[in-house]
Amino acid sequence: MKGKRVWGMAIIIVVLSVVVIWLVQGNGQEDAQVDDHAEYEEQERIRNFFTELRGQYGYLYAGEEQFRVFITFDEALLEGELTGSLLVREQANDGTFKETYYDVNGITDGKILELYTTLDGESTKLEGEFQGGAERFELSCWIAEERLSFHAVTEEEYKEVFEE
């Protein structure tokens, strides 16, 4: 009788062990599915962001200061790499304008933005972030103490500001 009780307990322990293992593995699969879904959503967000970014003519900063800044991205890869140009238009005391072009390259994930350009022979880093999509971003710049706020513009809007 004692032997049957031991075998009975052993069978119960084995069955419970199998149930626990099955439950643990099942939860791991659900976590993997959640991770896969989150990864899919992030890839979709990035894809949509870069589609929107490539559709912009450019980005303009036109504050109260005596300068305007215009940035275009010629190439924007899904991996986050950016290339483009930055145009600074400064107004002199005599009312004339001086325009300077800079090549830029950098990275973004649709949230952060890091651009690099060469200024007086040295690499200069511009840092910022997009504001909820590819319509606007803030960016540090050597010509201002605070970050500049850029917004997407059409070719017509660009011409209105730069062909004054």
N, C-alpha and C. Protein backbone atom coordinates (compact mmCIF):
# COMPACT_ATOMS: atom_id res chain seq x y z
N MET A 1 0.81 -1.19 0.00
CA MET A 1 0.00 0.00 0.00
C MET A 1 0.86 1.27 0.00
N LYS A 2 1.96 1.18 0.78
CA LYS A 2 2.86 2.30 0.87
C LYS A 2 3.52 2.58 -0.48
N GLY A 3 3.83 1.55 -1.25
CA GLY A 3 4.44 1.69 -2.57
C GLY A 3 3.51 2.36 -3.55
N LYS A 4 2.21 2.04 -3.47
CA LYS A 4 1.24 2.68 -4.37
C LYS A 4 1.10 4.15 -4.04
N ARG A 5 1.19 4.50 -2.76
CA ARG A 5 1.07 5.89 -2.35
C ARG A 5 2.28 6.70 -2.88
N VAL A 6 3.45 6.12 -2.81
CA VAL A 6 4.66 6.79 -3.31
C VAL A 6 4.55 7.00 -4.82
N TRP A 7 4.11 5.93 -5.53
CA TRP A 7 3.94 6.06 -6.98
C TRP A 7 2.85 7.08 -7.31
N GLY A 8 1.82 7.13 -6.54
CA GLY A 8 0.74 8.11 -6.75
C GLY A 8 1.26 9.53 -6.58
N MET A 9 2.06 9.75 -5.51
CA MET A 9 2.65 11.08 -5.27
C MET A 9 3.62 11.43 -6.39
N ALA A 10 4.39 10.47 -6.85
CA ALA A 10 5.35 10.72 -7.93
C ALA A 10 4.62 11.12 -9.20
N ILE A 11 3.52 10.46 -9.50
CA ILE A 11 2.74 10.79 -10.70
C ILE A 11 2.16 12.19 -10.57
N ILE A 12 1.65 12.55 -9.40
CA ILE A 12 1.09 13.89 -9.19
C ILE A 12 2.18 14.94 -9.36
N ILE A 13 3.37 14.69 -8.82
CA ILE A 13 4.48 15.65 -8.94
C ILE A 13 4.87 15.81 -10.41
N VAL A 14 4.96 14.70 -11.14
CA VAL A 14 5.32 14.76 -12.56
C VAL A 14 4.26 15.54 -13.33
N VAL A 15 2.99 15.27 -13.08
CA VAL A 15 1.91 15.96 -13.79
C VAL A 15 1.95 17.45 -13.47
N LEU A 16 2.10 17.81 -12.21
CA LEU A 16 2.18 19.22 -11.83
C LEU A 16 3.40 19.89 -12.46
N SER A 17 4.51 19.19 -12.50
CA SER A 17 5.72 19.73 -13.13
C SER A 17 5.48 20.01 -14.61
N VAL A 18 4.83 19.10 -15.29
CA VAL A 18 4.53 19.28 -16.71
C VAL A 18 3.60 20.47 -16.90
N VAL A 19 2.60 20.61 -16.04
CA VAL A 19 1.66 21.73 -16.14
C VAL A 19 2.39 23.05 -15.92
N VAL A 20 3.28 23.11 -14.93
CA VAL A 20 4.03 24.33 -14.66
C VAL A 20 4.92 24.68 -15.86
N ILE A 21 5.61 23.70 -16.39
CA ILE A 21 6.47 23.93 -17.56
C ILE A 21 5.63 24.42 -18.74
N TRP A 22 4.51 23.81 -18.96
CA TRP A 22 3.63 24.20 -20.06
C TRP A 22 3.16 25.65 -19.88
N LEU A 23 2.78 26.02 -18.65
CA LEU A 23 2.34 27.39 -18.39
C LEU A 23 3.46 28.40 -18.58
N VAL A 24 4.64 28.07 -18.11
CA VAL A 24 5.78 28.97 -18.25
C VAL A 24 6.12 29.16 -19.73
N GLN A 25 6.17 28.10 -20.49
CA GLN A 25 6.47 28.21 -21.91
C GLN A 25 5.38 28.98 -22.64
N GLY A 26 4.16 28.79 -22.27
CA GLY A 26 3.06 29.52 -22.90
C GLY A 26 3.18 31.01 -22.67
N ASN A 27 3.52 31.42 -21.45
CA ASN A 27 3.69 32.84 -21.15
C ASN A 27 4.88 33.42 -21.91
N GLY A 28 5.92 32.65 -22.08
CA GLY A 28 7.07 33.11 -22.86
C GLY A 28 6.69 33.37 -24.30
N GLN A 29 5.83 32.52 -24.85
CA GLN A 29 5.40 32.72 -26.23
C GLN A 29 4.54 33.97 -26.34
N GLU A 30 3.69 34.22 -25.34
CA GLU A 30 2.88 35.44 -25.36
C GLU A 30 3.76 36.67 -25.27
N ASP A 31 4.80 36.63 -24.41
CA ASP A 31 5.72 37.76 -24.31
C ASP A 31 6.43 37.98 -25.63
N ALA A 32 6.83 36.89 -26.28
CA ALA A 32 7.49 37.01 -27.59
C ALA A 32 6.56 37.63 -28.61
N GLN A 33 5.28 37.26 -28.56
CA GLN A 33 4.31 37.84 -29.49
C GLN A 33 4.14 39.33 -29.21
N VAL A 34 4.10 39.71 -27.93
CA VAL A 34 3.99 41.12 -27.57
C VAL A 34 5.23 41.87 -28.07
N ASP A 35 6.43 41.30 -27.86
CA ASP A 35 7.66 41.92 -28.33
C ASP A 35 7.65 42.06 -29.85
N ASP A 36 7.21 41.02 -30.56
CA ASP A 36 7.14 41.07 -32.01
C ASP A 36 6.19 42.17 -32.47
N HIS A 37 5.06 42.30 -31.78
CA HIS A 37 4.08 43.32 -32.14
C HIS A 37 4.65 44.72 -31.89
N ALA A 38 5.34 44.90 -30.76
CA ALA A 38 5.94 46.19 -30.45
C ALA A 38 7.02 46.54 -31.47
N GLU A 39 7.80 45.55 -31.86
CA GLU A 39 8.84 45.77 -32.86
C GLU A 39 8.21 46.14 -34.21
N TYR A 40 7.14 45.46 -34.57
CA TYR A 40 6.44 45.77 -35.82
C TYR A 40 5.91 47.21 -35.79
N GLU A 41 5.30 47.61 -34.66
CA GLU A 41 4.77 48.96 -34.55
C GLU A 41 5.87 50.01 -34.67
N GLU A 42 7.04 49.73 -34.06
CA GLU A 42 8.16 50.67 -34.13
C GLU A 42 8.68 50.76 -35.57
N GLN A 43 8.81 49.65 -36.25
CA GLN A 43 9.24 49.67 -37.65
C GLN A 43 8.25 50.42 -38.52
N GLU A 44 6.97 50.25 -38.25
CA GLU A 44 5.94 50.95 -39.00
C GLU A 44 6.01 52.46 -38.73
N ARG A 45 6.24 52.86 -37.47
CA ARG A 45 6.39 54.28 -37.12
C ARG A 45 7.57 54.88 -37.88
N ILE A 46 8.69 54.17 -37.90
CA ILE A 46 9.88 54.67 -38.59
C ILE A 46 9.63 54.77 -40.09
N ARG A 47 9.00 53.76 -40.67
CA ARG A 47 8.69 53.78 -42.10
C ARG A 47 7.79 54.98 -42.44
N ASN A 48 6.75 55.21 -41.64
CA ASN A 48 5.85 56.34 -41.87
C ASN A 48 6.58 57.67 -41.70
N PHE A 49 7.43 57.75 -40.69
CA PHE A 49 8.19 58.98 -40.45
C PHE A 49 9.06 59.32 -41.66
N PHE A 50 9.81 58.34 -42.16
CA PHE A 50 10.71 58.62 -43.28
C PHE A 50 9.95 58.92 -44.57
N THR A 51 8.79 58.33 -44.74
CA THR A 51 7.95 58.67 -45.89
C THR A 51 7.54 60.13 -45.80
N GLU A 52 7.12 60.56 -44.62
CA GLU A 52 6.73 61.96 -44.40
C GLU A 52 7.93 62.89 -44.56
N LEU A 53 9.09 62.50 -44.03
CA LEU A 53 10.30 63.32 -44.11
C LEU A 53 10.72 63.53 -45.57
N ARG A 54 10.70 62.46 -46.35
CA ARG A 54 11.09 62.57 -47.77
C ARG A 54 10.11 63.43 -48.57
N GLY A 55 8.88 63.57 -48.09
CA GLY A 55 7.87 64.35 -48.79
C GLY A 55 7.97 65.85 -48.54
N GLN A 56 8.84 66.26 -47.62
CA GLN A 56 8.96 67.69 -47.31
C GLN A 56 9.92 68.37 -48.27
N TYR A 57 9.58 69.59 -48.66
CA TYR A 57 10.50 70.36 -49.50
C TYR A 57 11.73 70.77 -48.69
N GLY A 58 11.50 71.20 -47.46
CA GLY A 58 12.59 71.61 -46.59
C GLY A 58 12.03 72.14 -45.28
N TYR A 59 12.94 72.62 -44.43
CA TYR A 59 12.57 73.12 -43.11
C TYR A 59 13.15 74.52 -42.92
N LEU A 60 12.33 75.40 -42.38
CA LEU A 60 12.70 76.80 -42.28
C LEU A 60 12.66 77.27 -40.84
N TYR A 61 13.68 78.04 -40.47
CA TYR A 61 13.64 78.81 -39.23
C TYR A 61 13.60 80.26 -39.67
N ALA A 62 12.57 80.97 -39.25
CA ALA A 62 12.44 82.39 -39.61
C ALA A 62 11.93 83.13 -38.38
N GLY A 63 12.83 83.39 -37.44
CA GLY A 63 12.47 84.10 -36.22
C GLY A 63 12.63 85.60 -36.38
N GLU A 64 12.72 86.27 -35.26
CA GLU A 64 12.83 87.73 -35.24
C GLU A 64 14.26 88.22 -35.51
N GLU A 65 15.24 87.31 -35.43
CA GLU A 65 16.63 87.70 -35.61
C GLU A 65 16.89 88.14 -37.06
N GLN A 66 18.10 88.59 -37.27
CA GLN A 66 18.52 89.06 -38.59
C GLN A 66 19.03 87.93 -39.47
N PHE A 67 18.58 86.71 -39.21
CA PHE A 67 19.02 85.59 -40.04
C PHE A 67 17.86 84.62 -40.26
N ARG A 68 18.00 83.85 -41.33
CA ARG A 68 17.07 82.78 -41.67
C ARG A 68 17.90 81.52 -41.90
N VAL A 69 17.34 80.38 -41.55
CA VAL A 69 18.04 79.11 -41.77
C VAL A 69 17.08 78.17 -42.48
N PHE A 70 17.58 77.53 -43.52
CA PHE A 70 16.78 76.59 -44.29
C PHE A 70 17.57 75.28 -44.42
N ILE A 71 16.91 74.17 -44.09
CA ILE A 71 17.55 72.86 -44.16
C ILE A 71 16.76 71.97 -45.11
N THR A 72 17.48 71.29 -46.00
CA THR A 72 16.87 70.28 -46.86
C THR A 72 17.59 68.96 -46.64
N PHE A 73 16.83 67.89 -46.76
CA PHE A 73 17.41 66.56 -46.69
C PHE A 73 17.30 65.92 -48.07
N ASP A 74 18.45 65.73 -48.70
CA ASP A 74 18.50 65.13 -50.03
C ASP A 74 18.30 63.63 -49.98
N GLU A 75 18.78 63.02 -48.89
CA GLU A 75 18.67 61.58 -48.74
C GLU A 75 18.33 61.27 -47.29
N ALA A 76 17.34 60.40 -47.10
CA ALA A 76 16.93 59.98 -45.76
C ALA A 76 16.65 58.47 -45.83
N LEU A 77 17.56 57.71 -45.26
CA LEU A 77 17.47 56.25 -45.32
C LEU A 77 16.73 55.70 -44.10
N LEU A 78 16.03 54.60 -44.28
CA LEU A 78 15.31 53.96 -43.18
C LEU A 78 16.23 53.60 -42.02
N GLU A 79 17.49 53.38 -42.30
CA GLU A 79 18.45 53.06 -41.25
C GLU A 79 18.75 54.27 -40.38
N GLY A 80 18.27 55.45 -40.79
CA GLY A 80 18.43 56.66 -39.99
C GLY A 80 19.43 57.66 -40.52
N GLU A 81 20.14 57.33 -41.58
CA GLU A 81 21.15 58.24 -42.11
C GLU A 81 20.51 59.36 -42.93
N LEU A 82 21.04 60.58 -42.74
CA LEU A 82 20.54 61.76 -43.44
C LEU A 82 21.70 62.48 -44.12
N THR A 83 21.45 63.03 -45.30
CA THR A 83 22.38 63.95 -45.93
C THR A 83 21.55 65.10 -46.49
N GLY A 84 22.15 66.26 -46.53
CA GLY A 84 21.42 67.40 -47.05
C GLY A 84 22.27 68.66 -47.01
N SER A 85 21.58 69.79 -46.94
CA SER A 85 22.28 71.07 -46.90
C SER A 85 21.57 72.03 -45.96
N LEU A 86 22.36 72.98 -45.48
CA LEU A 86 21.86 74.00 -44.57
C LEU A 86 22.24 75.34 -45.16
N LEU A 87 21.27 76.21 -45.32
CA LEU A 87 21.50 77.55 -45.87
C LEU A 87 21.26 78.56 -44.76
N VAL A 88 22.26 79.40 -44.50
CA VAL A 88 22.12 80.49 -43.53
C VAL A 88 22.11 81.78 -44.32
N ARG A 89 21.06 82.55 -44.10
CA ARG A 89 20.94 83.85 -44.76
C ARG A 89 20.93 84.92 -43.68
N GLU A 90 21.99 85.74 -43.67
CA GLU A 90 22.14 86.78 -42.66
C GLU A 90 22.00 88.16 -43.31
N GLN A 91 21.34 89.05 -42.58
CA GLN A 91 21.17 90.41 -43.09
C GLN A 91 22.22 91.31 -42.43
N ALA A 92 22.95 92.00 -43.27
CA ALA A 92 23.97 92.93 -42.78
C ALA A 92 23.32 94.24 -42.36
N ASN A 93 24.09 95.11 -41.71
CA ASN A 93 23.57 96.41 -41.25
C ASN A 93 23.11 97.28 -42.39
N ASP A 94 23.71 97.12 -43.57
CA ASP A 94 23.32 97.94 -44.72
C ASP A 94 22.11 97.38 -45.47
N GLY A 95 21.51 96.29 -44.96
CA GLY A 95 20.31 95.73 -45.56
C GLY A 95 20.56 94.64 -46.58
N THR A 96 21.82 94.41 -46.95
CA THR A 96 22.13 93.35 -47.89
C THR A 96 22.13 92.00 -47.17
N PHE A 97 22.04 90.95 -47.98
CA PHE A 97 22.01 89.59 -47.42
C PHE A 97 23.25 88.83 -47.82
N LYS A 98 23.73 88.02 -46.90
CA LYS A 98 24.84 87.10 -47.17
C LYS A 98 24.31 85.69 -46.98
N GLU A 99 24.47 84.87 -48.01
CA GLU A 99 24.01 83.48 -47.93
C GLU A 99 25.21 82.54 -47.90
N THR A 100 25.18 81.58 -46.96
CA THR A 100 26.24 80.59 -46.83
C THR A 100 25.61 79.21 -46.80
N TYR A 101 26.13 78.32 -47.63
CA TYR A 101 25.64 76.94 -47.69
C TYR A 101 26.61 76.01 -46.97
N TYR A 102 26.03 75.06 -46.26
CA TYR A 102 26.81 74.04 -45.56
C TYR A 102 26.23 72.67 -45.90
N ASP A 103 27.11 71.71 -46.16
CA ASP A 103 26.66 70.32 -46.29
C ASP A 103 26.41 69.78 -44.89
N VAL A 104 25.36 68.97 -44.75
CA VAL A 104 25.10 68.34 -43.46
C VAL A 104 24.90 66.84 -43.68
N ASN A 105 25.28 66.08 -42.68
CA ASN A 105 24.95 64.67 -42.63
C ASN A 105 24.66 64.34 -41.18
N GLY A 106 23.89 63.29 -40.97
CA GLY A 106 23.54 62.98 -39.60
C GLY A 106 22.69 61.74 -39.49
N ILE A 107 22.03 61.65 -38.34
CA ILE A 107 21.19 60.49 -38.05
C ILE A 107 19.90 60.94 -37.36
N THR A 108 18.87 60.12 -37.51
CA THR A 108 17.63 60.31 -36.78
C THR A 108 16.91 58.98 -36.67
N ASP A 109 16.10 58.88 -35.63
CA ASP A 109 15.20 57.73 -35.49
C ASP A 109 13.76 58.21 -35.54
N GLY A 110 13.57 59.45 -35.97
CA GLY A 110 12.23 60.03 -35.99
C GLY A 110 11.90 60.76 -34.71
N LYS A 111 12.80 60.66 -33.75
CA LYS A 111 12.64 61.37 -32.48
C LYS A 111 13.83 62.30 -32.28
N ILE A 112 15.02 61.71 -32.12
CA ILE A 112 16.21 62.54 -31.96
C ILE A 112 16.73 62.93 -33.34
N LEU A 113 17.51 63.99 -33.37
CA LEU A 113 18.12 64.46 -34.62
C LEU A 113 19.53 64.94 -34.30
N GLU A 114 20.51 64.38 -34.97
CA GLU A 114 21.89 64.83 -34.85
C GLU A 114 22.43 65.09 -36.24
N LEU A 115 22.86 66.31 -36.46
CA LEU A 115 23.43 66.70 -37.75
C LEU A 115 24.86 67.19 -37.53
N TYR A 116 25.71 66.97 -38.53
CA TYR A 116 27.09 67.42 -38.48
C TYR A 116 27.38 68.23 -39.73
N THR A 117 28.12 69.31 -39.54
CA THR A 117 28.57 70.12 -40.65
C THR A 117 29.98 70.58 -40.36
N THR A 118 30.64 71.16 -41.35
CA THR A 118 31.99 71.67 -41.16
C THR A 118 31.92 73.19 -41.12
N LEU A 119 32.45 73.73 -40.04
CA LEU A 119 32.44 75.18 -39.82
C LEU A 119 33.87 75.62 -39.54
N ASP A 120 34.41 76.46 -40.38
CA ASP A 120 35.80 76.92 -40.25
C ASP A 120 36.77 75.75 -40.15
N GLY A 121 36.54 74.72 -40.94
CA GLY A 121 37.43 73.58 -41.00
C GLY A 121 37.26 72.55 -39.90
N GLU A 122 36.32 72.77 -38.98
CA GLU A 122 36.10 71.83 -37.88
C GLU A 122 34.66 71.31 -37.92
N SER A 123 34.52 70.06 -37.51
CA SER A 123 33.20 69.43 -37.46
C SER A 123 32.37 70.04 -36.34
N THR A 124 31.14 70.38 -36.65
CA THR A 124 30.22 70.98 -35.67
C THR A 124 28.97 70.11 -35.59
N LYS A 125 28.57 69.81 -34.37
CA LYS A 125 27.41 68.95 -34.14
C LYS A 125 26.20 69.82 -33.79
N LEU A 126 25.09 69.54 -34.47
CA LEU A 126 23.81 70.19 -34.18
C LEU A 126 22.89 69.11 -33.61
N GLU A 127 22.29 69.37 -32.46
CA GLU A 127 21.46 68.37 -31.80
C GLU A 127 20.04 68.89 -31.63
N GLY A 128 19.09 67.96 -31.74
CA GLY A 128 17.70 68.36 -31.55
C GLY A 128 16.78 67.16 -31.53
N GLU A 129 15.49 67.46 -31.68
CA GLU A 129 14.51 66.39 -31.75
C GLU A 129 13.29 66.84 -32.55
N PHE A 130 12.68 65.84 -33.19
CA PHE A 130 11.45 66.08 -33.93
C PHE A 130 10.30 66.20 -32.94
N GLN A 131 9.32 66.98 -33.32
CA GLN A 131 8.18 67.25 -32.45
C GLN A 131 6.95 66.48 -32.92
N GLY A 132 6.90 65.17 -32.67
CA GLY A 132 5.73 64.37 -32.98
C GLY A 132 5.49 64.09 -34.45
N GLY A 133 6.51 63.95 -35.21
CA GLY A 133 6.38 63.66 -36.64
C GLY A 133 7.43 64.43 -37.41
N ALA A 134 7.31 64.44 -38.73
CA ALA A 134 8.31 65.09 -39.56
C ALA A 134 7.93 66.52 -39.95
N GLU A 135 6.95 67.09 -39.30
CA GLU A 135 6.50 68.45 -39.63
C GLU A 135 7.37 69.54 -38.99
N ARG A 136 7.92 69.26 -37.81
CA ARG A 136 8.74 70.26 -37.14
C ARG A 136 9.77 69.62 -36.23
N PHE A 137 10.84 70.39 -36.01
CA PHE A 137 11.87 69.95 -35.08
C PHE A 137 12.57 71.15 -34.49
N GLU A 138 13.21 70.94 -33.35
CA GLU A 138 14.06 71.94 -32.72
C GLU A 138 15.49 71.48 -32.88
N LEU A 139 16.41 72.44 -33.06
CA LEU A 139 17.80 72.08 -33.34
C LEU A 139 18.72 73.16 -32.78
N SER A 140 19.80 72.72 -32.13
CA SER A 140 20.83 73.67 -31.70
C SER A 140 21.56 74.17 -32.95
N CYS A 141 22.10 75.36 -32.86
CA CYS A 141 22.82 75.92 -34.00
C CYS A 141 23.84 76.92 -33.48
N TRP A 142 25.00 76.99 -34.10
CA TRP A 142 26.08 77.84 -33.63
C TRP A 142 25.74 79.33 -33.72
N ILE A 143 24.76 79.71 -34.51
CA ILE A 143 24.45 81.13 -34.67
C ILE A 143 23.43 81.63 -33.66
N ALA A 144 22.95 80.77 -32.78
CA ALA A 144 21.95 81.17 -31.78
C ALA A 144 22.28 80.53 -30.43
N GLU A 145 21.92 81.21 -29.37
CA GLU A 145 22.17 80.67 -28.03
C GLU A 145 21.17 79.57 -27.67
N GLU A 146 19.94 79.69 -28.16
CA GLU A 146 18.90 78.71 -27.86
C GLU A 146 18.64 77.86 -29.10
N ARG A 147 17.95 76.75 -28.89
CA ARG A 147 17.56 75.91 -30.02
C ARG A 147 16.60 76.67 -30.92
N LEU A 148 16.74 76.41 -32.21
CA LEU A 148 15.86 77.04 -33.19
C LEU A 148 14.74 76.07 -33.53
N SER A 149 13.56 76.59 -33.76
CA SER A 149 12.39 75.78 -34.08
C SER A 149 12.14 75.85 -35.59
N PHE A 150 12.31 74.72 -36.26
CA PHE A 150 12.11 74.62 -37.70
C PHE A 150 10.75 74.00 -38.00
N HIS A 151 10.14 74.46 -39.09
CA HIS A 151 8.88 73.84 -39.53
C HIS A 151 8.98 73.55 -41.03
N ALA A 152 8.27 72.52 -41.45
CA ALA A 152 8.27 72.12 -42.85
C ALA A 152 7.62 73.21 -43.70
N VAL A 153 8.19 73.44 -44.87
CA VAL A 153 7.64 74.43 -45.80
C VAL A 153 7.58 73.85 -47.20
N THR A 154 6.68 74.41 -47.98
CA THR A 154 6.59 74.06 -49.40
C THR A 154 7.59 74.93 -50.17
N GLU A 155 7.77 74.64 -51.43
CA GLU A 155 8.67 75.44 -52.27
C GLU A 155 8.17 76.89 -52.34
N GLU A 156 6.88 77.09 -52.42
CA GLU A 156 6.31 78.44 -52.50
C GLU A 156 6.58 79.22 -51.21
N GLU A 157 6.41 78.56 -50.06
CA GLU A 157 6.67 79.23 -48.78
C GLU A 157 8.15 79.60 -48.66
N TYR A 158 9.01 78.71 -49.13
CA TYR A 158 10.45 78.99 -49.13
C TYR A 158 10.75 80.23 -49.96
N LYS A 159 10.20 80.29 -51.16
CA LYS A 159 10.45 81.41 -52.05
C LYS A 159 9.94 82.73 -51.46
N GLU A 160 8.81 82.70 -50.79
CA GLU A 160 8.28 83.92 -50.15
C GLU A 160 9.26 84.50 -49.15
N VAL A 161 9.91 83.65 -48.39
CA VAL A 161 10.83 84.11 -47.35
C VAL A 161 12.17 84.48 -47.93
N PHE A 162 12.71 83.69 -48.88
CA PHE A 162 14.05 83.91 -49.38
C PHE A 162 14.14 84.80 -50.62
N GLU A 163 13.02 85.18 -51.17
CA GLU A 163 13.06 86.07 -52.32
C GLU A 163 12.39 87.39 -52.00
N GLU A 164 12.59 87.86 -50.76
CA GLU A 164 12.01 89.13 -50.31
C GLU A 164 12.60 90.29 -51.07
